Full PDB file with SEQRES, HELIX, SHEET, SSBOND, CRYST1, ORIGX, SCALE, CONECT and MASTER records, all heavy atoms in Angstrom:
SEQRES   1 A   30  SER LYS ASN ASN SER ASP PHE PHE LYS VAL LYS ASN ASP          
SEQRES   2 A   30  TRP SER LEU ILE LYS ASP LYS LEU LEU GLY CYS TYR LEU          
SEQRES   3 A   30  MET PRO TYR PHE                                              
HELIX    1 AA1 ASP A   13  TYR A   29  1                                  17    
CRYST1    1.000    1.000    1.000  90.00  90.00  90.00 P 1           1          
ORIGX1      1.000000  0.000000  0.000000        0.00000                         
ORIGX2      0.000000  1.000000  0.000000        0.00000                         
ORIGX3      0.000000  0.000000  1.000000        0.00000                         
SCALE1      1.000000  0.000000  0.000000        0.00000                         
SCALE2      0.000000  1.000000  0.000000        0.00000                         
SCALE3      0.000000  0.000000  1.000000        0.00000                         
ATOM      1  N   SER A   1    -161.561  44.730 117.380  1.00  0.00           N  
ATOM      2  CA  SER A   1    -162.139  43.417 117.121  1.00  0.00           C  
ATOM      3  C   SER A   1    -162.264  42.597 118.403  1.00  0.00           C  
ATOM      4  O   SER A   1    -161.530  42.792 119.361  1.00  0.00           O  
ATOM      5  CB  SER A   1    -161.290  42.668 116.098  1.00  0.00           C  
ATOM      6  OG  SER A   1    -160.011  42.416 116.621  1.00  0.00           O  
ATOM      7  N   LYS A   2    -163.212  41.671 118.342  1.00  0.00           N  
ATOM      8  CA  LYS A   2    -163.480  40.808 119.480  1.00  0.00           C  
ATOM      9  C   LYS A   2    -162.430  39.701 119.561  1.00  0.00           C  
ATOM     10  O   LYS A   2    -161.991  39.175 118.546  1.00  0.00           O  
ATOM     11  CB  LYS A   2    -164.878  40.197 119.319  1.00  0.00           C  
ATOM     12  CG  LYS A   2    -165.294  39.310 120.441  1.00  0.00           C  
ATOM     13  CD  LYS A   2    -166.681  38.760 120.188  1.00  0.00           C  
ATOM     14  CE  LYS A   2    -167.031  37.749 121.248  1.00  0.00           C  
ATOM     15  NZ  LYS A   2    -168.312  37.116 120.989  1.00  0.00           N  
ATOM     16  N   ASN A   3    -162.049  39.322 120.770  1.00  0.00           N  
ATOM     17  CA  ASN A   3    -161.108  38.221 120.967  1.00  0.00           C  
ATOM     18  C   ASN A   3    -161.873  36.901 120.840  1.00  0.00           C  
ATOM     19  O   ASN A   3    -162.735  36.580 121.646  1.00  0.00           O  
ATOM     20  CB  ASN A   3    -160.464  38.327 122.357  1.00  0.00           C  
ATOM     21  CG  ASN A   3    -159.463  37.213 122.616  1.00  0.00           C  
ATOM     22  OD1 ASN A   3    -159.280  36.325 121.803  1.00  0.00           O  
ATOM     23  ND2 ASN A   3    -158.826  37.272 123.754  1.00  0.00           N  
ATOM     24  N   ASN A   4    -161.565  36.139 119.795  1.00  0.00           N  
ATOM     25  CA  ASN A   4    -162.231  34.854 119.537  1.00  0.00           C  
ATOM     26  C   ASN A   4    -161.314  33.667 119.791  1.00  0.00           C  
ATOM     27  O   ASN A   4    -161.541  32.592 119.254  1.00  0.00           O  
ATOM     28  CB  ASN A   4    -162.732  34.811 118.093  1.00  0.00           C  
ATOM     29  CG  ASN A   4    -163.893  35.737 117.871  1.00  0.00           C  
ATOM     30  OD1 ASN A   4    -164.770  35.857 118.718  1.00  0.00           O  
ATOM     31  ND2 ASN A   4    -163.907  36.400 116.729  1.00  0.00           N  
ATOM     32  N   SER A   5    -160.291  33.830 120.587  1.00  0.00           N  
ATOM     33  CA  SER A   5    -159.303  32.773 120.777  1.00  0.00           C  
ATOM     34  C   SER A   5    -159.889  31.503 121.395  1.00  0.00           C  
ATOM     35  O   SER A   5    -159.346  30.422 121.216  1.00  0.00           O  
ATOM     36  CB  SER A   5    -158.137  33.283 121.629  1.00  0.00           C  
ATOM     37  OG  SER A   5    -158.585  33.663 122.911  1.00  0.00           O  
ATOM     38  N   ASP A   6    -161.010  31.621 122.106  1.00  0.00           N  
ATOM     39  CA  ASP A   6    -161.611  30.439 122.732  1.00  0.00           C  
ATOM     40  C   ASP A   6    -162.844  29.936 121.981  1.00  0.00           C  
ATOM     41  O   ASP A   6    -163.598  29.105 122.479  1.00  0.00           O  
ATOM     42  CB  ASP A   6    -161.967  30.727 124.188  1.00  0.00           C  
ATOM     43  CG  ASP A   6    -163.029  31.799 124.342  1.00  0.00           C  
ATOM     44  OD1 ASP A   6    -163.326  32.509 123.361  1.00  0.00           O  
ATOM     45  OD2 ASP A   6    -163.576  31.915 125.458  1.00  0.00           O  
ATOM     46  N   PHE A   7    -163.026  30.388 120.743  1.00  0.00           N  
ATOM     47  CA  PHE A   7    -164.217  30.063 119.967  1.00  0.00           C  
ATOM     48  C   PHE A   7    -164.383  28.558 119.746  1.00  0.00           C  
ATOM     49  O   PHE A   7    -165.488  28.041 119.742  1.00  0.00           O  
ATOM     50  CB  PHE A   7    -164.176  30.786 118.619  1.00  0.00           C  
ATOM     51  CG  PHE A   7    -165.445  30.681 117.840  1.00  0.00           C  
ATOM     52  CD1 PHE A   7    -166.514  31.506 118.128  1.00  0.00           C  
ATOM     53  CD2 PHE A   7    -165.574  29.756 116.824  1.00  0.00           C  
ATOM     54  CE1 PHE A   7    -167.696  31.409 117.405  1.00  0.00           C  
ATOM     55  CE2 PHE A   7    -166.747  29.643 116.105  1.00  0.00           C  
ATOM     56  CZ  PHE A   7    -167.812  30.480 116.399  1.00  0.00           C  
ATOM     57  N   PHE A   8    -163.294  27.831 119.559  1.00  0.00           N  
ATOM     58  CA  PHE A   8    -163.369  26.408 119.250  1.00  0.00           C  
ATOM     59  C   PHE A   8    -163.076  25.510 120.454  1.00  0.00           C  
ATOM     60  O   PHE A   8    -162.759  24.334 120.289  1.00  0.00           O  
ATOM     61  CB  PHE A   8    -162.428  26.060 118.098  1.00  0.00           C  
ATOM     62  CG  PHE A   8    -162.883  26.630 116.791  1.00  0.00           C  
ATOM     63  CD1 PHE A   8    -162.216  27.695 116.210  1.00  0.00           C  
ATOM     64  CD2 PHE A   8    -163.993  26.131 116.152  1.00  0.00           C  
ATOM     65  CE1 PHE A   8    -162.640  28.234 115.015  1.00  0.00           C  
ATOM     66  CE2 PHE A   8    -164.432  26.655 114.955  1.00  0.00           C  
ATOM     67  CZ  PHE A   8    -163.753  27.718 114.382  1.00  0.00           C  
ATOM     68  N   LYS A   9    -163.219  26.041 121.649  1.00  0.00           N  
ATOM     69  CA  LYS A   9    -163.021  25.206 122.846  1.00  0.00           C  
ATOM     70  C   LYS A   9    -164.159  24.201 122.991  1.00  0.00           C  
ATOM     71  O   LYS A   9    -163.919  23.014 123.175  1.00  0.00           O  
ATOM     72  CB  LYS A   9    -162.895  26.064 124.096  1.00  0.00           C  
ATOM     73  CG  LYS A   9    -161.561  26.760 124.193  1.00  0.00           C  
ATOM     74  CD  LYS A   9    -161.371  27.387 125.557  1.00  0.00           C  
ATOM     75  CE  LYS A   9    -160.094  28.173 125.567  1.00  0.00           C  
ATOM     76  NZ  LYS A   9    -158.973  27.524 126.128  1.00  0.00           N  
ATOM     77  N   VAL A  10    -165.385  24.675 122.964  1.00  0.00           N  
ATOM     78  CA  VAL A  10    -166.570  23.811 123.039  1.00  0.00           C  
ATOM     79  C   VAL A  10    -167.594  24.302 122.024  1.00  0.00           C  
ATOM     80  O   VAL A  10    -167.585  25.462 121.634  1.00  0.00           O  
ATOM     81  CB  VAL A  10    -167.207  23.794 124.457  1.00  0.00           C  
ATOM     82  CG1 VAL A  10    -166.276  23.192 125.470  1.00  0.00           C  
ATOM     83  CG2 VAL A  10    -167.625  25.181 124.875  1.00  0.00           C  
ATOM     84  N   LYS A  11    -168.488  23.406 121.613  1.00  0.00           N  
ATOM     85  CA  LYS A  11    -169.525  23.779 120.664  1.00  0.00           C  
ATOM     86  C   LYS A  11    -170.577  24.649 121.341  1.00  0.00           C  
ATOM     87  O   LYS A  11    -171.008  24.361 122.449  1.00  0.00           O  
ATOM     88  CB  LYS A  11    -170.219  22.536 120.112  1.00  0.00           C  
ATOM     89  CG  LYS A  11    -169.461  21.834 119.051  1.00  0.00           C  
ATOM     90  CD  LYS A  11    -170.331  20.778 118.416  1.00  0.00           C  
ATOM     91  CE  LYS A  11    -169.561  20.043 117.360  1.00  0.00           C  
ATOM     92  NZ  LYS A  11    -170.399  19.109 116.635  1.00  0.00           N  
ATOM     93  N   ASN A  12    -170.993  25.664 120.636  1.00  0.00           N  
ATOM     94  CA  ASN A  12    -172.111  26.483 121.075  1.00  0.00           C  
ATOM     95  C   ASN A  12    -173.418  25.809 120.670  1.00  0.00           C  
ATOM     96  O   ASN A  12    -173.428  24.917 119.806  1.00  0.00           O  
ATOM     97  CB  ASN A  12    -172.031  27.878 120.439  1.00  0.00           C  
ATOM     98  CG  ASN A  12    -170.855  28.669 120.961  1.00  0.00           C  
ATOM     99  OD1 ASN A  12    -170.698  28.825 122.162  1.00  0.00           O  
ATOM    100  ND2 ASN A  12    -170.017  29.157 120.060  1.00  0.00           N  
ATOM    101  N   ASP A  13    -174.523  26.239 121.255  1.00  0.00           N  
ATOM    102  CA  ASP A  13    -175.823  25.643 120.943  1.00  0.00           C  
ATOM    103  C   ASP A  13    -176.143  25.724 119.454  1.00  0.00           C  
ATOM    104  O   ASP A  13    -176.650  24.768 118.869  1.00  0.00           O  
ATOM    105  CB  ASP A  13    -176.936  26.321 121.749  1.00  0.00           C  
ATOM    106  CG  ASP A  13    -176.874  25.982 123.226  1.00  0.00           C  
ATOM    107  OD1 ASP A  13    -176.244  24.966 123.586  1.00  0.00           O  
ATOM    108  OD2 ASP A  13    -177.473  26.727 124.026  1.00  0.00           O  
ATOM    109  N   TRP A  14    -175.848  26.867 118.837  1.00  0.00           N  
ATOM    110  CA  TRP A  14    -176.156  27.011 117.416  1.00  0.00           C  
ATOM    111  C   TRP A  14    -175.340  26.042 116.571  1.00  0.00           C  
ATOM    112  O   TRP A  14    -175.795  25.568 115.536  1.00  0.00           O  
ATOM    113  CB  TRP A  14    -175.949  28.458 116.956  1.00  0.00           C  
ATOM    114  CG  TRP A  14    -174.564  28.982 117.177  1.00  0.00           C  
ATOM    115  CD1 TRP A  14    -174.123  29.710 118.238  1.00  0.00           C  
ATOM    116  CD2 TRP A  14    -173.429  28.809 116.330  1.00  0.00           C  
ATOM    117  NE1 TRP A  14    -172.796  29.998 118.100  1.00  0.00           N  
ATOM    118  CE2 TRP A  14    -172.336  29.459 116.934  1.00  0.00           C  
ATOM    119  CE3 TRP A  14    -173.230  28.169 115.120  1.00  0.00           C  
ATOM    120  CZ2 TRP A  14    -171.078  29.488 116.366  1.00  0.00           C  
ATOM    121  CZ3 TRP A  14    -171.961  28.204 114.566  1.00  0.00           C  
ATOM    122  CH2 TRP A  14    -170.910  28.866 115.196  1.00  0.00           C  
ATOM    123  N   SER A  15    -174.139  25.720 117.013  1.00  0.00           N  
ATOM    124  CA  SER A  15    -173.304  24.771 116.281  1.00  0.00           C  
ATOM    125  C   SER A  15    -173.852  23.351 116.420  1.00  0.00           C  
ATOM    126  O   SER A  15    -173.818  22.572 115.465  1.00  0.00           O  
ATOM    127  CB  SER A  15    -171.867  24.843 116.798  1.00  0.00           C  
ATOM    128  OG  SER A  15    -171.015  24.043 116.018  1.00  0.00           O  
ATOM    129  N   LEU A  16    -174.350  23.019 117.593  1.00  0.00           N  
ATOM    130  CA  LEU A  16    -174.976  21.701 117.793  1.00  0.00           C  
ATOM    131  C   LEU A  16    -176.192  21.543 116.888  1.00  0.00           C  
ATOM    132  O   LEU A  16    -176.396  20.478 116.286  1.00  0.00           O  
ATOM    133  CB  LEU A  16    -175.386  21.530 119.264  1.00  0.00           C  
ATOM    134  CG  LEU A  16    -174.238  21.416 120.267  1.00  0.00           C  
ATOM    135  CD1 LEU A  16    -174.765  21.534 121.697  1.00  0.00           C  
ATOM    136  CD2 LEU A  16    -173.501  20.098 120.079  1.00  0.00           C  
ATOM    137  N   ILE A  17    -176.982  22.607 116.782  1.00  0.00           N  
ATOM    138  CA  ILE A  17    -178.164  22.568 115.917  1.00  0.00           C  
ATOM    139  C   ILE A  17    -177.749  22.431 114.451  1.00  0.00           C  
ATOM    140  O   ILE A  17    -178.309  21.627 113.704  1.00  0.00           O  
ATOM    141  CB  ILE A  17    -179.039  23.822 116.132  1.00  0.00           C  
ATOM    142  CG1 ILE A  17    -179.638  23.793 117.537  1.00  0.00           C  
ATOM    143  CG2 ILE A  17    -180.125  23.933 115.062  1.00  0.00           C  
ATOM    144  CD1 ILE A  17    -180.263  25.088 117.983  1.00  0.00           C  
ATOM    145  N   LYS A  18    -176.744  23.199 114.043  1.00  0.00           N  
ATOM    146  CA  LYS A  18    -176.261  23.116 112.662  1.00  0.00           C  
ATOM    147  C   LYS A  18    -175.788  21.700 112.351  1.00  0.00           C  
ATOM    148  O   LYS A  18    -176.111  21.140 111.303  1.00  0.00           O  
ATOM    149  CB  LYS A  18    -175.110  24.090 112.434  1.00  0.00           C  
ATOM    150  CG  LYS A  18    -174.494  23.952 111.052  1.00  0.00           C  
ATOM    151  CD  LYS A  18    -173.142  24.614 110.950  1.00  0.00           C  
ATOM    152  CE  LYS A  18    -172.524  24.264 109.607  1.00  0.00           C  
ATOM    153  NZ  LYS A  18    -171.146  24.641 109.516  1.00  0.00           N  
ATOM    154  N   ASP A  19    -175.032  21.102 113.253  1.00  0.00           N  
ATOM    155  CA  ASP A  19    -174.503  19.761 113.014  1.00  0.00           C  
ATOM    156  C   ASP A  19    -175.615  18.718 112.954  1.00  0.00           C  
ATOM    157  O   ASP A  19    -175.552  17.780 112.165  1.00  0.00           O  
ATOM    158  CB  ASP A  19    -173.475  19.401 114.084  1.00  0.00           C  
ATOM    159  CG  ASP A  19    -172.208  20.228 113.962  1.00  0.00           C  
ATOM    160  OD1 ASP A  19    -172.017  20.903 112.924  1.00  0.00           O  
ATOM    161  OD2 ASP A  19    -171.411  20.223 114.907  1.00  0.00           O  
ATOM    162  N   LYS A  20    -176.642  18.886 113.767  1.00  0.00           N  
ATOM    163  CA  LYS A  20    -177.779  17.956 113.728  1.00  0.00           C  
ATOM    164  C   LYS A  20    -178.517  18.079 112.393  1.00  0.00           C  
ATOM    165  O   LYS A  20    -178.853  17.071 111.767  1.00  0.00           O  
ATOM    166  CB  LYS A  20    -178.724  18.217 114.894  1.00  0.00           C  
ATOM    167  CG  LYS A  20    -179.844  17.223 114.988  1.00  0.00           C  
ATOM    168  CD  LYS A  20    -180.572  17.369 116.307  1.00  0.00           C  
ATOM    169  CE  LYS A  20    -181.704  16.387 116.427  1.00  0.00           C  
ATOM    170  NZ  LYS A  20    -181.296  15.061 116.812  1.00  0.00           N  
ATOM    171  N   LEU A  21    -178.755  19.305 111.955  1.00  0.00           N  
ATOM    172  CA  LEU A  21    -179.405  19.516 110.656  1.00  0.00           C  
ATOM    173  C   LEU A  21    -178.546  18.976 109.519  1.00  0.00           C  
ATOM    174  O   LEU A  21    -179.064  18.354 108.578  1.00  0.00           O  
ATOM    175  CB  LEU A  21    -179.681  21.002 110.437  1.00  0.00           C  
ATOM    176  CG  LEU A  21    -180.762  21.615 111.306  1.00  0.00           C  
ATOM    177  CD1 LEU A  21    -180.765  23.128 111.160  1.00  0.00           C  
ATOM    178  CD2 LEU A  21    -182.118  21.032 110.963  1.00  0.00           C  
ATOM    179  N   LEU A  22    -177.264  19.203 109.601  1.00  0.00           N  
ATOM    180  CA  LEU A  22    -176.341  18.701 108.592  1.00  0.00           C  
ATOM    181  C   LEU A  22    -176.422  17.182 108.502  1.00  0.00           C  
ATOM    182  O   LEU A  22    -176.500  16.611 107.419  1.00  0.00           O  
ATOM    183  CB  LEU A  22    -174.913  19.147 108.936  1.00  0.00           C  
ATOM    184  CG  LEU A  22    -173.824  18.882 107.920  1.00  0.00           C  
ATOM    185  CD1 LEU A  22    -174.058  19.720 106.672  1.00  0.00           C  
ATOM    186  CD2 LEU A  22    -172.473  19.200 108.523  1.00  0.00           C  
ATOM    187  N   GLY A  23    -176.427  16.528 109.662  1.00  0.00           N  
ATOM    188  CA  GLY A  23    -176.512  15.072 109.689  1.00  0.00           C  
ATOM    189  C   GLY A  23    -177.815  14.557 109.099  1.00  0.00           C  
ATOM    190  O   GLY A  23    -177.830  13.543 108.398  1.00  0.00           O  
ATOM    191  N   CYS A  24    -178.907  15.253 109.354  1.00  0.00           N  
ATOM    192  CA  CYS A  24    -180.207  14.844 108.814  1.00  0.00           C  
ATOM    193  C   CYS A  24    -180.284  15.048 107.302  1.00  0.00           C  
ATOM    194  O   CYS A  24    -180.932  14.281 106.599  1.00  0.00           O  
ATOM    195  CB  CYS A  24    -181.334  15.634 109.481  1.00  0.00           C  
ATOM    196  SG  CYS A  24    -181.585  15.228 111.208  1.00  0.00           S  
ATOM    197  N   TYR A  25    -179.635  16.078 106.814  1.00  0.00           N  
ATOM    198  CA  TYR A  25    -179.721  16.414 105.398  1.00  0.00           C  
ATOM    199  C   TYR A  25    -178.715  15.650 104.532  1.00  0.00           C  
ATOM    200  O   TYR A  25    -179.061  15.178 103.447  1.00  0.00           O  
ATOM    201  CB  TYR A  25    -179.494  17.920 105.217  1.00  0.00           C  
ATOM    202  CG  TYR A  25    -179.474  18.356 103.782  1.00  0.00           C  
ATOM    203  CD1 TYR A  25    -180.662  18.513 103.077  1.00  0.00           C  
ATOM    204  CD2 TYR A  25    -178.272  18.580 103.120  1.00  0.00           C  
ATOM    205  CE1 TYR A  25    -180.653  18.898 101.748  1.00  0.00           C  
ATOM    206  CE2 TYR A  25    -178.254  18.959 101.787  1.00  0.00           C  
ATOM    207  CZ  TYR A  25    -179.437  19.127 101.107  1.00  0.00           C  
ATOM    208  OH  TYR A  25    -179.422  19.493  99.800  1.00  0.00           O  
ATOM    209  N   LEU A  26    -177.486  15.547 104.993  1.00  0.00           N  
ATOM    210  CA  LEU A  26    -176.439  14.996 104.133  1.00  0.00           C  
ATOM    211  C   LEU A  26    -176.600  13.518 103.819  1.00  0.00           C  
ATOM    212  O   LEU A  26    -176.275  13.093 102.714  1.00  0.00           O  
ATOM    213  CB  LEU A  26    -175.056  15.236 104.742  1.00  0.00           C  
ATOM    214  CG  LEU A  26    -174.474  16.619 104.551  1.00  0.00           C  
ATOM    215  CD1 LEU A  26    -173.073  16.683 105.141  1.00  0.00           C  
ATOM    216  CD2 LEU A  26    -174.440  17.035 103.102  1.00  0.00           C  
ATOM    217  N   MET A  27    -177.087  12.739 104.762  1.00  0.00           N  
ATOM    218  CA  MET A  27    -177.226  11.301 104.504  1.00  0.00           C  
ATOM    219  C   MET A  27    -178.130  11.037 103.287  1.00  0.00           C  
ATOM    220  O   MET A  27    -177.688  10.400 102.323  1.00  0.00           O  
ATOM    221  CB  MET A  27    -177.742  10.571 105.745  1.00  0.00           C  
ATOM    222  CG  MET A  27    -177.895   9.079 105.568  1.00  0.00           C  
ATOM    223  SD  MET A  27    -176.355   8.155 105.449  1.00  0.00           S  
ATOM    224  CE  MET A  27    -175.856   8.146 107.145  1.00  0.00           C  
ATOM    225  N   PRO A  28    -179.366  11.520 103.270  1.00  0.00           N  
ATOM    226  CA  PRO A  28    -180.184  11.255 102.076  1.00  0.00           C  
ATOM    227  C   PRO A  28    -179.668  11.967 100.819  1.00  0.00           C  
ATOM    228  O   PRO A  28    -179.791  11.440  99.717  1.00  0.00           O  
ATOM    229  CB  PRO A  28    -181.576  11.761 102.462  1.00  0.00           C  
ATOM    230  CG  PRO A  28    -181.390  12.627 103.642  1.00  0.00           C  
ATOM    231  CD  PRO A  28    -180.127  12.184 104.317  1.00  0.00           C  
ATOM    232  N   TYR A  29    -179.065  13.139 100.990  1.00  0.00           N  
ATOM    233  CA  TYR A  29    -178.528  13.862  99.834  1.00  0.00           C  
ATOM    234  C   TYR A  29    -177.385  13.074  99.186  1.00  0.00           C  
ATOM    235  O   TYR A  29    -177.383  12.849  97.975  1.00  0.00           O  
ATOM    236  CB  TYR A  29    -178.046  15.254 100.244  1.00  0.00           C  
ATOM    237  CG  TYR A  29    -177.407  16.004  99.115  1.00  0.00           C  
ATOM    238  CD1 TYR A  29    -178.190  16.576  98.114  1.00  0.00           C  
ATOM    239  CD2 TYR A  29    -176.021  16.120  99.024  1.00  0.00           C  
ATOM    240  CE1 TYR A  29    -177.598  17.255  97.051  1.00  0.00           C  
ATOM    241  CE2 TYR A  29    -175.437  16.803  97.972  1.00  0.00           C  
ATOM    242  CZ  TYR A  29    -176.226  17.373  96.992  1.00  0.00           C  
ATOM    243  OH  TYR A  29    -175.634  18.030  95.950  1.00  0.00           O  
ATOM    244  N   PHE A  30    -176.422  12.659  99.997  1.00  0.00           N  
ATOM    245  CA  PHE A  30    -175.303  11.888  99.452  1.00  0.00           C  
ATOM    246  C   PHE A  30    -175.796  10.591  98.823  1.00  0.00           C  
ATOM    247  O   PHE A  30    -175.322  10.183  97.761  1.00  0.00           O  
ATOM    248  CB  PHE A  30    -174.268  11.581 100.533  1.00  0.00           C  
ATOM    249  CG  PHE A  30    -173.365  12.733 100.888  1.00  0.00           C  
ATOM    250  CD1 PHE A  30    -172.527  12.646 101.990  1.00  0.00           C  
ATOM    251  CD2 PHE A  30    -173.325  13.897 100.152  1.00  0.00           C  
ATOM    252  CE1 PHE A  30    -171.674  13.692 102.340  1.00  0.00           C  
ATOM    253  CE2 PHE A  30    -172.478  14.958 100.479  1.00  0.00           C  
ATOM    254  CZ  PHE A  30    -171.657  14.848 101.581  1.00  0.00           C  
TER     255      PHE A  30                                                      
MASTER        0    0    0    1    0    0    0    6  254    1    0    3          
END                                                                             
């Protein structure tokens, strides 16, 4: 298995995109 011990040190680009989409979607949904 791959060593993922540093996975949560900084956000990856895909995580930034996910969080931006989440922010755009959740406000009107909630």
